[in-house]
Amino acid sequence: MVHKLCNDNQVTTPKGVFDAEFYLEEAYFSGNIEGKGRIRLLVESPPEFKLRNVFVSSKPSTGRSGDLRRLFLSTNQPPASYTNEGAPA
């Protein structure tokens, strides 16, 4: 989510989001969707999620994700566990 928020808001992506621990070996489909629903998620998922083998709907949802986005943007600081050192400009 941090990677997508950074890209959406032209903020430098913290180097830590590219660590191997944030990539899944097996695909994850939101809501354990099966069949044609998976095809929809394969098409709709934002590239930052597809990169990590996570497939979700790109449709806006109401809920906590909006709160997280506002918090991230209001502080304009990545989580303390991330660093921009060595990240491409």
Protein backbone atom coordinates (compact mmCIF):
# COMPACT_ATOMS: atom_id res chain seq x y z
CA MET A 1 0.00 0.00 0.00
CA VAL A 2 2.86 2.39 0.75
CA HIS A 3 4.27 1.88 -2.74
CA LYS A 4 0.91 2.73 -4.34
CA LEU A 5 0.34 5.77 -2.12
CA CYS A 6 3.79 7.08 -2.99
CA ASN A 7 3.23 6.62 -6.72
CA ASP A 8 -0.25 8.17 -6.57
CA ASN A 9 1.05 11.24 -4.74
CA GLN A 10 4.47 11.70 -6.40
CA VAL A 11 6.32 10.92 -3.15
CA THR A 12 9.65 9.08 -3.23
CA THR A 13 9.02 5.41 -2.49
CA PRO A 14 10.94 4.24 0.58
CA LYS A 15 13.62 1.70 -0.25
CA GLY A 16 12.26 -0.76 2.33
CA VAL A 17 9.10 -1.53 0.37
CA PHE A 18 11.20 -3.40 -2.17
CA ASP A 19 12.55 -5.87 0.42
CA ALA A 20 11.88 -9.52 -0.43
CA GLU A 21 9.69 -9.95 2.66
CA PHE A 22 7.00 -7.82 0.99
CA TYR A 23 6.55 -10.16 -2.01
CA LEU A 24 4.38 -13.27 -1.99
CA GLU A 25 5.44 -16.54 -3.61
CA GLU A 26 1.82 -17.66 -4.06
CA ALA A 27 -0.86 -15.38 -5.43
CA TYR A 28 -3.30 -13.88 -2.95
CA PHE A 29 -6.79 -12.98 -4.19
CA SER A 30 -8.79 -10.60 -2.03
CA GLY A 31 -11.80 -12.24 -0.42
CA ASN A 32 -10.65 -15.73 -1.50
CA ILE A 33 -12.50 -15.12 -4.76
CA GLU A 34 -12.65 -18.02 -7.22
CA GLY A 35 -13.38 -18.37 -10.94
CA LYS A 36 -14.29 -15.32 -13.00
CA GLY A 37 -13.87 -13.08 -9.99
CA ARG A 38 -10.15 -13.82 -10.09
CA ILE A 39 -9.98 -12.68 -13.69
CA ARG A 40 -11.52 -9.36 -12.64
CA LEU A 41 -8.96 -8.97 -9.86
CA LEU A 42 -6.12 -9.84 -12.24
CA VAL A 43 -7.27 -7.02 -14.53
CA GLU A 44 -8.20 -4.44 -11.86
CA SER A 45 -5.33 -4.77 -9.41
CA PRO A 46 -2.99 -1.79 -9.26
CA PRO A 47 0.49 -2.56 -10.67
CA GLU A 48 2.14 -2.05 -7.27
CA PHE A 49 0.03 -4.89 -5.90
CA LYS A 50 0.42 -7.16 -8.94
CA LEU A 51 4.18 -6.78 -8.57
CA ARG A 52 3.85 -8.43 -5.16
CA ASN A 53 1.46 -11.17 -6.35
CA VAL A 54 -1.48 -9.55 -4.51
CA PHE A 55 -4.72 -9.16 -6.45
CA VAL A 56 -7.34 -6.75 -5.18
CA SER A 57 -10.07 -4.60 -6.65
CA SER A 58 -8.91 -1.14 -7.62
CA LYS A 59 -12.40 0.22 -6.97
CA PRO A 60 -12.43 2.74 -4.12
CA SER A 61 -13.73 1.31 -0.91
CA THR A 62 -15.00 2.95 2.19
CA GLY A 63 -13.21 2.01 5.32
CA ARG A 64 -9.88 2.30 7.01
CA SER A 65 -7.74 2.53 3.86
CA GLY A 66 -8.86 6.14 3.43
CA ASP A 67 -7.83 6.85 7.01
CA LEU A 68 -4.39 5.34 6.40
CA ARG A 69 -3.97 7.40 3.25
CA ARG A 70 -4.84 10.63 5.08
CA LEU A 71 -2.46 9.77 7.92
CA PHE A 72 0.40 9.00 5.54
CA LEU A 73 -0.14 12.16 3.53
CA SER A 74 -0.64 14.40 6.56
CA THR A 75 2.70 13.40 8.06
CA ASN A 76 4.45 13.21 4.68
CA GLN A 77 6.79 10.76 6.38
CA PRO A 78 7.18 7.06 5.66
CA PRO A 79 7.00 4.62 8.56
CA ALA A 80 10.09 4.71 10.76
CA SER A 81 11.15 1.25 9.58
CA TYR A 82 11.79 2.56 6.04
CA THR A 83 14.66 4.61 4.73
CA ASN A 84 15.25 6.46 1.50
CA GLU A 85 19.00 6.06 1.66
CA GLY A 86 20.23 4.67 -1.61
CA ALA A 87 16.83 4.92 -3.25
CA PRO A 88 16.79 6.16 -6.83
CA ALA A 89 15.83 9.81 -7.15
